Amino acid sequence: MSRAIGIYGGTFDPIHLGHLITAQFVLELRNLEKIIFIPCNISPFKQNENHADSMHRLEMTRIAIKNYPQFDYSDFEIKKGAISYTIETLRHLSKTHPKLELIIGFDNLILFDKWKEPDEIIKLSTLTVLKRRVENNIANNKYFSLAKFVETPIIEISSSMIRRRIKNNQPVDFLIPPEVLKYIKTNGLYK
């Protein structure tokens, strides 16, 4: 019986070690065949933010995962252009991968009822949620009962912190893969 493929989307601006550590744990805990990283073109929830060019974000993702055979990437959302909606990506990927697991953070689960066609997303994939410190008073939606929660290490690294540190000429050596840092410096990103 074939194993599921994990789908890990995000802006990846830039991709960092927190993303990779989390993906490795999800791969093992959910016994996935592989995980496909999918940099979005424009996030529906981050339309007014400035990001590195999508081709830079895609290339940094490719560089970060190139030595890990169980990690792959897709340029589907970037090539498609416009706002990236998960449902469109899942419809595309389900043509070639019958079993998909959508990997999202706990913060995304809280907002999941506001996503485009959340019920269709649930039909096409298993919702795999990265469990964080959970507050008891969080108003949950119907999708909480449908989610598979995974205990992954809490990695307090954010792409916004990395961008800020680069802009302020502070080191980021232990936050992102060395080859990604080299790419950022070569292309003058985040200055």
Protein backbone atom coordinates (compact mmCIF):
# COMPACT_ATOMS: atom_id res chain seq x y z
CA MET A 1 0.00 0.00 0.00
CA SER A 2 1.45 3.36 -0.98
CA ARG A 3 2.24 5.91 1.68
CA ALA A 4 0.95 9.47 1.68
CA ILE A 5 2.83 12.47 0.34
CA GLY A 6 3.17 15.42 2.70
CA ILE A 7 2.38 18.87 1.31
CA TYR A 8 4.19 21.70 3.10
CA GLY A 9 3.33 25.13 1.75
CA GLY A 10 4.46 28.56 2.82
CA THR A 11 6.15 31.75 1.73
CA PHE A 12 9.59 30.34 2.68
CA ASP A 13 11.02 33.85 2.77
CA PRO A 14 13.58 32.49 3.48
CA ILE A 15 13.27 28.78 4.22
CA HIS A 16 15.04 28.08 7.52
CA LEU A 17 16.17 25.21 9.73
CA GLY A 18 12.88 25.31 11.66
CA HIS A 19 11.04 24.35 8.46
CA LEU A 20 13.47 21.50 7.77
CA ILE A 21 13.51 20.13 11.32
CA THR A 22 9.71 20.21 11.46
CA ALA A 23 9.43 18.47 8.08
CA GLN A 24 11.81 15.71 9.16
CA PHE A 25 9.76 15.01 12.30
CA VAL A 26 6.46 15.00 10.38
CA LEU A 27 7.95 12.68 7.75
CA GLU A 28 8.88 10.18 10.45
CA LEU A 29 5.86 10.55 12.75
CA ARG A 30 3.33 10.27 9.91
CA ASN A 31 5.38 7.65 7.99
CA LEU A 32 5.17 9.70 4.79
CA GLU A 33 6.77 8.68 1.51
CA LYS A 34 8.11 12.20 1.03
CA ILE A 35 7.32 15.85 1.68
CA ILE A 36 6.86 18.37 -1.12
CA PHE A 37 7.71 21.96 -0.18
CA ILE A 38 5.55 24.42 -2.13
CA PRO A 39 6.49 28.10 -1.99
CA CYS A 40 3.35 30.14 -2.56
CA ASN A 41 3.17 32.91 -5.10
CA ILE A 42 1.03 35.25 -2.98
CA SER A 43 -0.46 34.08 0.31
CA PRO A 44 -4.15 35.00 0.70
CA PHE A 45 -3.37 36.05 4.29
CA LYS A 46 -0.19 38.01 3.49
CA GLN A 47 -1.18 39.98 0.40
CA ASN A 48 0.09 43.32 1.72
CA GLU A 49 3.53 42.09 2.80
CA ASN A 50 6.68 42.56 0.79
CA HIS A 51 8.48 39.33 0.02
CA ALA A 52 11.57 38.33 -1.92
CA ASP A 53 10.79 37.59 -5.54
CA SER A 54 9.04 34.24 -5.93
CA MET A 55 11.85 32.81 -8.05
CA HIS A 56 14.37 33.60 -5.27
CA ARG A 57 12.13 31.91 -2.70
CA LEU A 58 11.77 28.86 -4.96
CA GLU A 59 15.53 28.66 -5.52
CA MET A 60 16.29 28.96 -1.79
CA THR A 61 13.83 26.12 -1.15
CA ARG A 62 15.47 23.97 -3.83
CA ILE A 63 18.92 24.65 -2.38
CA ALA A 64 17.82 23.88 1.19
CA ILE A 65 16.38 20.44 0.39
CA LYS A 66 18.59 19.25 -2.48
CA ASN A 67 20.56 16.76 -0.35
CA TYR A 68 17.48 15.14 1.20
CA PRO A 69 15.91 12.52 -1.09
CA GLN A 70 12.67 12.40 0.93
CA PHE A 71 12.15 16.14 0.41
CA ASP A 72 11.02 17.58 -2.91
CA TYR A 73 9.66 20.93 -4.07
CA SER A 74 7.04 22.15 -6.51
CA ASP A 75 6.89 25.37 -8.51
CA PHE A 76 3.16 24.88 -9.20
CA GLU A 77 1.90 27.89 -7.22
CA ILE A 78 4.62 30.21 -8.48
CA LYS A 79 4.13 29.18 -12.13
CA LYS A 80 0.36 29.50 -11.75
CA GLY A 81 0.77 33.08 -10.55
CA ALA A 82 -1.83 35.16 -8.71
CA ILE A 83 -2.98 34.33 -5.18
CA SER A 84 -2.08 30.81 -4.08
CA TYR A 85 -5.02 28.80 -2.82
CA THR A 86 -4.30 25.42 -1.24
CA ILE A 87 -7.40 23.82 -2.76
CA GLU A 88 -6.11 24.49 -6.31
CA THR A 89 -2.72 22.99 -5.46
CA LEU A 90 -4.30 19.89 -3.92
CA ARG A 91 -6.55 19.39 -6.95
CA HIS A 92 -3.45 19.56 -9.16
CA LEU A 93 -1.37 17.19 -7.01
CA SER A 94 -4.18 14.69 -6.41
CA LYS A 95 -4.04 13.81 -10.12
CA THR A 96 -0.65 12.16 -9.58
CA HIS A 97 -0.67 11.46 -5.82
CA PRO A 98 -3.78 9.68 -4.49
CA LYS A 99 -2.87 10.13 -0.80
CA LEU A 100 -1.99 13.62 0.40
CA GLU A 101 -1.37 15.04 3.86
CA LEU A 102 -1.55 18.81 4.16
CA ILE A 103 0.91 20.01 6.82
CA ILE A 104 -0.15 23.22 8.55
CA GLY A 105 0.70 25.04 11.74
CA PHE A 106 -1.68 25.24 14.69
CA ASP A 107 -2.21 28.95 13.95
CA ASN A 108 -3.52 27.99 10.50
CA LEU A 109 -5.94 25.46 11.97
CA ILE A 110 -7.53 28.21 14.07
CA LEU A 111 -8.24 30.13 10.82
CA PHE A 112 -8.95 27.07 8.68
CA ASP A 113 -12.67 27.82 8.35
CA LYS A 114 -11.65 31.07 6.59
CA TRP A 115 -9.59 29.24 3.92
CA LYS A 116 -10.97 28.82 0.41
CA GLU A 117 -13.10 25.65 0.24
CA PRO A 118 -11.91 24.05 3.50
CA ASP A 119 -14.36 21.14 3.19
CA GLU A 120 -12.90 20.26 -0.22
CA ILE A 121 -9.38 20.44 1.22
CA ILE A 122 -10.44 17.87 3.83
CA LYS A 123 -11.81 15.59 1.10
CA LEU A 124 -8.54 15.69 -0.85
CA SER A 125 -6.08 15.43 2.04
CA THR A 126 -5.50 14.48 5.63
CA LEU A 127 -5.05 17.62 7.71
CA THR A 128 -1.78 17.23 9.64
CA VAL A 129 -1.31 19.93 12.24
CA LEU A 130 1.93 20.87 13.98
CA LYS A 131 1.00 20.94 17.64
CA ARG A 132 2.21 23.94 19.57
CA ARG A 133 1.65 25.00 23.14
CA VAL A 134 -2.12 24.95 23.10
CA GLU A 135 -4.19 27.50 24.98
CA ASN A 136 -7.34 25.98 26.43
CA ASN A 137 -9.49 29.01 25.66
CA ILE A 138 -8.92 28.95 21.90
CA ALA A 139 -12.18 28.95 20.01
CA ASN A 140 -11.90 25.93 17.79
CA ASN A 141 -13.79 25.14 14.62
CA LYS A 142 -15.15 21.85 13.27
CA TYR A 143 -11.79 21.08 11.63
CA PHE A 144 -10.07 20.46 14.98
CA SER A 145 -11.83 17.10 15.26
CA LEU A 146 -10.72 16.12 11.74
CA ALA A 147 -7.04 17.01 12.18
CA LYS A 148 -4.15 14.68 12.94
CA PHE A 149 -1.93 16.44 15.48
CA VAL A 150 1.81 15.77 15.52
CA GLU A 151 4.17 16.64 18.33
CA THR A 152 7.17 18.32 16.74
CA PRO A 153 9.87 20.30 18.51
CA ILE A 154 8.97 23.94 18.99
CA ILE A 155 11.56 25.80 16.94
CA GLU A 156 11.46 29.52 17.70
CA ILE A 157 12.84 30.64 14.34
CA SER A 158 10.85 32.84 12.01
CA SER A 159 11.56 34.08 8.52
CA SER A 160 10.73 37.64 9.62
CA MET A 161 13.37 37.42 12.36
CA ILE A 162 15.94 36.20 9.80
CA ARG A 163 15.08 39.02 7.38
CA ARG A 164 15.39 41.56 10.20
CA ARG A 165 18.76 40.15 11.33
CA ILE A 166 20.13 40.25 7.77
CA LYS A 167 18.92 43.82 7.31
CA ASN A 168 20.69 44.76 10.58
CA ASN A 169 23.91 42.93 9.59
CA GLN A 170 23.46 40.38 12.39
CA PRO A 171 24.55 36.75 11.92
CA VAL A 172 22.02 34.10 10.87
CA ASP A 173 24.50 31.22 10.55
CA PHE A 174 22.65 28.80 12.85
CA LEU A 175 19.17 29.68 11.55
CA ILE A 176 19.35 28.81 7.85
CA PRO A 177 21.33 26.28 5.78
CA PRO A 178 24.78 27.65 4.81
CA GLU A 179 24.07 27.36 1.07
CA VAL A 180 20.85 29.37 1.50
CA LEU A 181 22.81 32.07 3.33
CA LYS A 182 25.34 32.13 0.49
CA TYR A 183 22.49 32.53 -2.02
CA ILE A 184 21.00 35.41 0.03
CA LYS A 185 24.36 37.20 0.15
CA THR A 186 25.11 36.61 -3.55
CA ASN A 187 21.72 38.03 -4.54
CA GLY A 188 21.67 40.86 -1.99
CA LEU A 189 18.35 39.77 -0.49
CA TYR A 190 16.75 41.40 2.57
CA LYS A 191 19.11 44.39 2.70
